[in-house]
Amino acid sequence: MSIKAVLFDLDGTLADTALDLGGALNTMLREHGLPAVSMDEIRPVASHGASGLLKLGMNLDKSDPNHARLRQQYLDTYETCFDQDTVLFDGIDALIQAIHARGLKWGIITNKPHTFTHRLVPQLGFSVAPDVVVSGDTTAEAKPSTKPMLYACEQIDVAPEACLYVGDAERDMQAGKNAGMHTVLVSWGYIHADDNIAAWPADTVIDTPEQLLQLL
């Protein structure tokens, strides 16, 4: 395959954001007089965003009439610590440098709101800045919709079939595959032990960032 761009999910793929996501959850739980949740419980659901974390910590469903209010409270709490302990996973910056050295474009497509991504991404220490960053609210729909995927392709002027999309969640694989991209699942991401990753539409599963280079 002739790849011209590599696009990535952010949380659980490029950056280890679980400590800050979980820290915000536990701060909120304490405020509500509820028990804290361990990081071992948080990591597998960290890619599922505020709603997934609220389900874990408060057993709160999206259908609950209090969901919107508590989700906003969570986001307000996360605002105070979103860049406190978040770091790139080992080997990620070297991978980005290698992608750039091959003359390929790279970018980020995340469901994280723009209010966080536009500040967090520049702080993560990438040696080469991304060619495009698409947040969860950049387009009318977030992943698993194909809208953010196709929008990213338009911004970098690369056809979907010439892109690799790299992520750690089922919706990442669905969005990439449905957009016509080649999909790569990272095993170091926030994957639950009960997830049936064999059923996800991933073309390849990799265990280290270095393995991605073998696909290019």
C-alpha atoms as a PDB file:
ATOM      1  CA  MET A   1       0.000   0.000   0.000  1.00  0.00           C
ATOM      2  CA  SER A   2       1.119   3.540  -0.759  1.00  0.00           C
ATOM      3  CA  ILE A   3       0.761   5.535   2.444  1.00  0.00           C
ATOM      4  CA  LYS A   4       1.118   9.318   2.407  1.00  0.00           C
ATOM      5  CA  ALA A   5      -0.151  10.172   5.891  1.00  0.00           C
ATOM      6  CA  VAL A   6      -0.428   8.612   9.339  1.00  0.00           C
ATOM      7  CA  LEU A   7      -3.277   9.835  11.533  1.00  0.00           C
ATOM      8  CA  PHE A   8      -3.593   9.002  15.221  1.00  0.00           C
ATOM      9  CA  ASP A   9      -6.084   8.930  18.033  1.00  0.00           C
ATOM     10  CA  LEU A  10      -4.762  10.885  21.033  1.00  0.00           C
ATOM     11  CA  ASP A  11      -5.817   9.403  24.399  1.00  0.00           C
ATOM     12  CA  GLY A  12      -4.380   5.923  24.867  1.00  0.00           C
ATOM     13  CA  THR A  13      -2.585   5.978  21.512  1.00  0.00           C
ATOM     14  CA  LEU A  14      -0.140   8.875  21.475  1.00  0.00           C
ATOM     15  CA  ALA A  15      -0.513  10.152  25.019  1.00  0.00           C
ATOM     16  CA  ASP A  16      -1.067   8.540  28.389  1.00  0.00           C
ATOM     17  CA  THR A  17      -3.865  10.773  29.649  1.00  0.00           C
ATOM     18  CA  ALA A  18      -5.399   8.323  32.138  1.00  0.00           C
ATOM     19  CA  LEU A  19      -3.796   9.832  35.241  1.00  0.00           C
ATOM     20  CA  ASP A  20      -5.355  13.224  34.575  1.00  0.00           C
ATOM     21  CA  LEU A  21      -8.684  11.826  33.365  1.00  0.00           C
ATOM     22  CA  GLY A  22      -8.857   9.583  36.414  1.00  0.00           C
ATOM     23  CA  GLY A  23      -7.664  12.304  38.751  1.00  0.00           C
ATOM     24  CA  ALA A  24     -10.539  14.519  37.639  1.00  0.00           C
ATOM     25  CA  LEU A  25     -12.996  11.670  38.144  1.00  0.00           C
ATOM     26  CA  ASN A  26     -11.794  10.932  41.659  1.00  0.00           C
ATOM     27  CA  THR A  27     -11.843  14.610  42.615  1.00  0.00           C
ATOM     28  CA  MET A  28     -15.445  14.768  41.480  1.00  0.00           C
ATOM     29  CA  LEU A  29     -16.357  11.538  43.273  1.00  0.00           C
ATOM     30  CA  ARG A  30     -14.943  12.893  46.532  1.00  0.00           C
ATOM     31  CA  GLU A  31     -17.042  16.009  46.135  1.00  0.00           C
ATOM     32  CA  HIS A  32     -20.126  13.799  45.855  1.00  0.00           C
ATOM     33  CA  GLY A  33     -19.144  11.659  48.836  1.00  0.00           C
ATOM     34  CA  LEU A  34     -18.457   8.633  46.652  1.00  0.00           C
ATOM     35  CA  PRO A  35     -15.489   6.237  46.821  1.00  0.00           C
ATOM     36  CA  ALA A  36     -12.504   6.790  44.562  1.00  0.00           C
ATOM     37  CA  VAL A  37     -11.811   4.446  41.647  1.00  0.00           C
ATOM     38  CA  SER A  38      -8.430   2.766  41.190  1.00  0.00           C
ATOM     39  CA  MET A  39      -6.234   3.535  38.210  1.00  0.00           C
ATOM     40  CA  ASP A  40      -6.419  -0.139  37.203  1.00  0.00           C
ATOM     41  CA  GLU A  41     -10.174   0.339  36.780  1.00  0.00           C
ATOM     42  CA  ILE A  42      -9.831   3.712  35.081  1.00  0.00           C
ATOM     43  CA  ARG A  43      -7.311   2.813  32.375  1.00  0.00           C
ATOM     44  CA  PRO A  44      -9.512   0.378  30.398  1.00  0.00           C
ATOM     45  CA  VAL A  45     -12.290   2.977  30.079  1.00  0.00           C
ATOM     46  CA  ALA A  46     -10.173   6.137  29.755  1.00  0.00           C
ATOM     47  CA  SER A  47     -10.702   6.274  25.986  1.00  0.00           C
ATOM     48  CA  HIS A  48     -14.468   6.375  26.458  1.00  0.00           C
ATOM     49  CA  GLY A  49     -14.402   9.997  27.561  1.00  0.00           C
ATOM     50  CA  ALA A  50     -16.370  11.768  30.242  1.00  0.00           C
ATOM     51  CA  SER A  51     -19.472   9.640  29.785  1.00  0.00           C
ATOM     52  CA  GLY A  52     -17.532   6.393  30.121  1.00  0.00           C
ATOM     53  CA  LEU A  53     -15.782   7.607  33.258  1.00  0.00           C
ATOM     54  CA  LEU A  54     -19.041   8.789  34.817  1.00  0.00           C
ATOM     55  CA  LYS A  55     -20.533   5.386  34.117  1.00  0.00           C
ATOM     56  CA  LEU A  56     -17.573   3.787  35.884  1.00  0.00           C
ATOM     57  CA  GLY A  57     -17.500   6.081  38.902  1.00  0.00           C
ATOM     58  CA  MET A  58     -21.167   6.943  39.383  1.00  0.00           C
ATOM     59  CA  ASN A  59     -22.986   4.267  37.371  1.00  0.00           C
ATOM     60  CA  LEU A  60     -24.450   7.162  35.398  1.00  0.00           C
ATOM     61  CA  ASP A  61     -26.019   6.406  32.015  1.00  0.00           C
ATOM     62  CA  LYS A  62     -26.367   8.922  29.190  1.00  0.00           C
ATOM     63  CA  SER A  63     -30.150   8.584  29.555  1.00  0.00           C
ATOM     64  CA  ASP A  64     -30.027   9.872  33.135  1.00  0.00           C
ATOM     65  CA  PRO A  65     -31.591  13.361  33.430  1.00  0.00           C
ATOM     66  CA  ASN A  66     -28.549  14.486  35.427  1.00  0.00           C
ATOM     67  CA  HIS A  67     -26.055  13.286  32.814  1.00  0.00           C
ATOM     68  CA  ALA A  68     -25.509  16.600  31.015  1.00  0.00           C
ATOM     69  CA  ARG A  69     -25.014  18.527  34.257  1.00  0.00           C
ATOM     70  CA  LEU A  70     -22.604  15.987  35.760  1.00  0.00           C
ATOM     71  CA  ARG A  71     -20.695  15.624  32.509  1.00  0.00           C
ATOM     72  CA  GLN A  72     -20.124  19.378  32.488  1.00  0.00           C
ATOM     73  CA  GLN A  73     -19.016  19.220  36.119  1.00  0.00           C
ATOM     74  CA  TYR A  74     -16.521  16.524  35.163  1.00  0.00           C
ATOM     75  CA  LEU A  75     -15.184  18.618  32.269  1.00  0.00           C
ATOM     76  CA  ASP A  76     -14.862  21.649  34.562  1.00  0.00           C
ATOM     77  CA  THR A  77     -12.875  19.512  37.000  1.00  0.00           C
ATOM     78  CA  TYR A  78     -10.700  18.061  34.218  1.00  0.00           C
ATOM     79  CA  GLU A  79      -9.984  21.637  33.129  1.00  0.00           C
ATOM     80  CA  THR A  80      -8.003  22.126  36.344  1.00  0.00           C
ATOM     81  CA  CYS A  81      -5.654  19.164  35.746  1.00  0.00           C
ATOM     82  CA  PHE A  82      -5.771  18.092  32.073  1.00  0.00           C
ATOM     83  CA  ASP A  83      -2.057  18.719  31.525  1.00  0.00           C
ATOM     84  CA  GLN A  84      -0.748  17.828  34.970  1.00  0.00           C
ATOM     85  CA  ASP A  85       0.531  14.260  34.475  1.00  0.00           C
ATOM     86  CA  THR A  86      -0.199  13.538  30.798  1.00  0.00           C
ATOM     87  CA  VAL A  87       2.858  12.444  28.778  1.00  0.00           C
ATOM     88  CA  LEU A  88       3.604  10.778  25.456  1.00  0.00           C
ATOM     89  CA  PHE A  89       3.942   7.010  25.544  1.00  0.00           C
ATOM     90  CA  ASP A  90       7.511   5.713  25.223  1.00  0.00           C
ATOM     91  CA  GLY A  91       8.732   5.684  21.637  1.00  0.00           C
ATOM     92  CA  ILE A  92       6.003   7.957  20.259  1.00  0.00           C
ATOM     93  CA  ASP A  93       8.115  11.024  19.535  1.00  0.00           C
ATOM     94  CA  ALA A  94      10.782   8.898  17.838  1.00  0.00           C
ATOM     95  CA  LEU A  95       8.002   7.377  15.723  1.00  0.00           C
ATOM     96  CA  ILE A  96       6.754  10.822  14.700  1.00  0.00           C
ATOM     97  CA  GLN A  97      10.295  11.857  13.778  1.00  0.00           C
ATOM     98  CA  ALA A  98      10.667   8.739  11.615  1.00  0.00           C
ATOM     99  CA  ILE A  99       7.338   9.367   9.894  1.00  0.00           C
ATOM    100  CA  HIS A 100       8.399  12.934   9.132  1.00  0.00           C
ATOM    101  CA  ALA A 101      11.811  11.777   7.908  1.00  0.00           C
ATOM    102  CA  ARG A 102      10.058   9.595   5.330  1.00  0.00           C
ATOM    103  CA  GLY A 103       8.271  12.618   3.928  1.00  0.00           C
ATOM    104  CA  LEU A 104       4.875  11.593   5.248  1.00  0.00           C
ATOM    105  CA  LYS A 105       2.287  13.832   6.847  1.00  0.00           C
ATOM    106  CA  TRP A 106       0.898  13.095  10.278  1.00  0.00           C
ATOM    107  CA  GLY A 107      -2.009  14.289  12.340  1.00  0.00           C
ATOM    108  CA  ILE A 108      -4.404  13.698  15.214  1.00  0.00           C
ATOM    109  CA  ILE A 109      -8.104  12.836  15.149  1.00  0.00           C
ATOM    110  CA  THR A 110      -9.496  12.691  18.667  1.00  0.00           C
ATOM    111  CA  ASN A 111     -12.860  12.854  20.388  1.00  0.00           C
ATOM    112  CA  LYS A 112     -11.303  15.133  23.010  1.00  0.00           C
ATOM    113  CA  PRO A 113     -12.928  18.600  22.900  1.00  0.00           C
ATOM    114  CA  HIS A 114     -11.020  21.406  21.185  1.00  0.00           C
ATOM    115  CA  THR A 115     -10.849  23.377  24.437  1.00  0.00           C
ATOM    116  CA  PHE A 116      -8.354  20.755  25.675  1.00  0.00           C
ATOM    117  CA  THR A 117      -6.584  19.630  22.494  1.00  0.00           C
ATOM    118  CA  HIS A 118      -5.538  23.070  21.296  1.00  0.00           C
ATOM    119  CA  ARG A 119      -3.636  23.579  24.558  1.00  0.00           C
ATOM    120  CA  LEU A 120      -2.522  20.026  25.338  1.00  0.00           C
ATOM    121  CA  VAL A 121      -1.039  18.980  21.985  1.00  0.00           C
ATOM    122  CA  PRO A 122       1.571  21.790  21.871  1.00  0.00           C
ATOM    123  CA  GLN A 123       2.650  20.882  25.424  1.00  0.00           C
ATOM    124  CA  LEU A 124       3.272  17.194  24.723  1.00  0.00           C
ATOM    125  CA  GLY A 125       6.724  17.780  23.273  1.00  0.00           C
ATOM    126  CA  PHE A 126       6.363  16.522  19.706  1.00  0.00           C
ATOM    127  CA  SER A 127       9.572  17.207  17.785  1.00  0.00           C
ATOM    128  CA  VAL A 128       7.477  17.724  14.654  1.00  0.00           C
ATOM    129  CA  ALA A 129       4.145  19.537  14.923  1.00  0.00           C
ATOM    130  CA  PRO A 130       1.105  17.708  13.500  1.00  0.00           C
ATOM    131  CA  ASP A 131      -0.120  18.723  10.046  1.00  0.00           C
ATOM    132  CA  VAL A 132      -3.713  18.578  11.260  1.00  0.00           C
ATOM    133  CA  VAL A 133      -5.556  18.230  14.583  1.00  0.00           C
ATOM    134  CA  VAL A 134      -9.253  17.328  14.514  1.00  0.00           C
ATOM    135  CA  SER A 135     -11.027  17.455  17.863  1.00  0.00           C
ATOM    136  CA  GLY A 136     -14.265  15.821  18.939  1.00  0.00           C
ATOM    137  CA  ASP A 137     -16.226  18.983  18.230  1.00  0.00           C
ATOM    138  CA  THR A 138     -14.396  20.133  15.088  1.00  0.00           C
ATOM    139  CA  THR A 139     -17.039  18.520  12.875  1.00  0.00           C
ATOM    140  CA  ALA A 140     -20.738  17.939  13.478  1.00  0.00           C
ATOM    141  CA  GLU A 141     -20.111  14.364  14.622  1.00  0.00           C
ATOM    142  CA  ALA A 142     -17.250  12.649  16.475  1.00  0.00           C
ATOM    143  CA  LYS A 143     -15.873   9.139  15.946  1.00  0.00           C
ATOM    144  CA  PRO A 144     -17.175   6.555  15.073  1.00  0.00           C
ATOM    145  CA  SER A 145     -18.562   8.936  12.449  1.00  0.00           C
ATOM    146  CA  THR A 146     -16.404   9.295   9.349  1.00  0.00           C
ATOM    147  CA  LYS A 147     -16.865  13.073   9.324  1.00  0.00           C
ATOM    148  CA  PRO A 148     -13.734  13.909  11.341  1.00  0.00           C
ATOM    149  CA  MET A 149     -11.738  11.397   9.307  1.00  0.00           C
ATOM    150  CA  LEU A 150     -12.745  12.870   5.966  1.00  0.00           C
ATOM    151  CA  TYR A 151     -12.292  16.410   7.280  1.00  0.00           C
ATOM    152  CA  ALA A 152      -8.694  15.600   8.261  1.00  0.00           C
ATOM    153  CA  CYS A 153      -8.022  14.201   4.797  1.00  0.00           C
ATOM    154  CA  GLU A 154      -9.350  17.372   3.205  1.00  0.00           C
ATOM    155  CA  GLN A 155      -7.144  19.522   5.415  1.00  0.00           C
ATOM    156  CA  ILE A 156      -3.941  17.694   4.470  1.00  0.00           C
ATOM    157  CA  ASP A 157      -5.016  16.958   0.874  1.00  0.00           C
ATOM    158  CA  VAL A 158      -4.476  13.205   1.162  1.00  0.00           C
ATOM    159  CA  ALA A 159      -7.036  10.618   0.051  1.00  0.00           C
ATOM    160  CA  PRO A 160      -8.385   8.326   2.810  1.00  0.00           C
ATOM    161  CA  GLU A 161      -7.021   5.227   1.103  1.00  0.00           C
ATOM    162  CA  ALA A 162      -3.520   6.723   1.384  1.00  0.00           C
ATOM    163  CA  CYS A 163      -3.862   7.123   5.164  1.00  0.00           C
ATOM    164  CA  LEU A 164      -3.163   4.880   8.120  1.00  0.00           C
ATOM    165  CA  TYR A 165      -5.385   5.493  11.113  1.00  0.00           C
ATOM    166  CA  VAL A 166      -3.909   4.370  14.420  1.00  0.00           C
ATOM    167  CA  GLY A 167      -6.022   4.042  17.564  1.00  0.00           C
ATOM    168  CA  ASP A 168      -6.874   2.000  20.640  1.00  0.00           C
ATOM    169  CA  ALA A 169     -10.691   1.840  20.578  1.00  0.00           C
ATOM    170  CA  GLU A 170     -13.364   0.067  18.561  1.00  0.00           C
ATOM    171  CA  ARG A 171     -14.774   3.381  17.375  1.00  0.00           C
ATOM    172  CA  ASP A 172     -11.309   4.315  16.047  1.00  0.00           C
ATOM    173  CA  MET A 173     -11.219   1.202  13.908  1.00  0.00           C
ATOM    174  CA  GLN A 174     -14.817   1.694  12.764  1.00  0.00           C
ATOM    175  CA  ALA A 175     -14.295   5.329  11.814  1.00  0.00           C
ATOM    176  CA  GLY A 176     -11.049   4.634   9.975  1.00  0.00           C
ATOM    177  CA  LYS A 177     -12.320   1.596   8.125  1.00  0.00           C
ATOM    178  CA  ASN A 178     -15.611   3.221   7.124  1.00  0.00           C
ATOM    179  CA  ALA A 179     -13.708   6.231   5.809  1.00  0.00           C
ATOM    180  CA  GLY A 180     -11.578   3.967   3.609  1.00  0.00           C
ATOM    181  CA  MET A 181      -8.377   4.157   5.620  1.00  0.00           C
ATOM    182  CA  HIS A 182      -6.019   1.365   6.667  1.00  0.00           C
ATOM    183  CA  THR A 183      -6.594   0.745  10.391  1.00  0.00           C
ATOM    184  CA  VAL A 184      -4.009  -0.095  13.039  1.00  0.00           C
ATOM    185  CA  LEU A 185      -4.891  -1.036  16.625  1.00  0.00           C
ATOM    186  CA  VAL A 186      -2.325  -0.392  19.357  1.00  0.00           C
ATOM    187  CA  SER A 187      -2.221  -2.991  22.120  1.00  0.00           C
ATOM    188  CA  TRP A 188      -0.701  -0.540  24.638  1.00  0.00           C
ATOM    189  CA  GLY A 189      -3.887   1.540  24.638  1.00  0.00           C
ATOM    190  CA  TYR A 190      -6.858   1.695  26.976  1.00  0.00           C
ATOM    191  CA  ILE A 191      -8.372  -1.678  26.087  1.00  0.00           C
ATOM    192  CA  HIS A 192     -10.606  -3.561  28.525  1.00  0.00           C
ATOM    193  CA  ALA A 193      -9.923  -7.224  29.234  1.00  0.00           C
ATOM    194  CA  ASP A 194     -13.480  -7.998  28.114  1.00  0.00           C
ATOM    195  CA  ASP A 195     -13.115  -6.218  24.759  1.00  0.00           C
ATOM    196  CA  ASN A 196     -13.296  -8.602  21.810  1.00  0.00           C
ATOM    197  CA  ILE A 197     -10.679  -6.884  19.682  1.00  0.00           C
ATOM    198  CA  ALA A 198     -10.752  -9.718  17.148  1.00  0.00           C
ATOM    199  CA  ALA A 199     -14.189  -8.441  16.124  1.00  0.00           C
ATOM    200  CA  TRP A 200     -12.962  -4.880  15.598  1.00  0.00           C
ATOM    201  CA  PRO A 201     -12.243  -3.820  11.980  1.00  0.00           C
ATOM    202  CA  ALA A 202      -8.487  -3.467  12.453  1.00  0.00           C
ATOM    203  CA  ASP A 203      -6.194  -4.396   9.578  1.00  0.00           C
ATOM    204  CA  THR A 204      -3.223  -4.802  11.914  1.00  0.00           C
ATOM    205  CA  VAL A 205      -2.486  -4.920  15.644  1.00  0.00           C
ATOM    206  CA  ILE A 206       0.853  -3.607  16.893  1.00  0.00           C
ATOM    207  CA  ASP A 207       2.522  -3.911  20.289  1.00  0.00           C
ATOM    208  CA  THR A 208       5.136  -1.142  20.009  1.00  0.00           C
ATOM    209  CA  PRO A 209       5.401   2.188  18.158  1.00  0.00           C
ATOM    210  CA  GLU A 210       8.405   0.838  16.246  1.00  0.00           C
ATOM    211  CA  GLN A 211       6.245  -1.826  14.615  1.00  0.00           C
ATOM    212  CA  LEU A 212       4.229   0.859  12.849  1.00  0.00           C
ATOM    213  CA  LEU A 213       7.237   1.776  10.711  1.00  0.00           C
ATOM    214  CA  GLN A 214       7.214  -1.725   9.222  1.00  0.00           C
ATOM    215  CA  LEU A 215       3.804  -0.972   7.728  1.00  0.00           C
ATOM    216  CA  LEU A 216       4.921   2.148   5.898  1.00  0.00           C
END
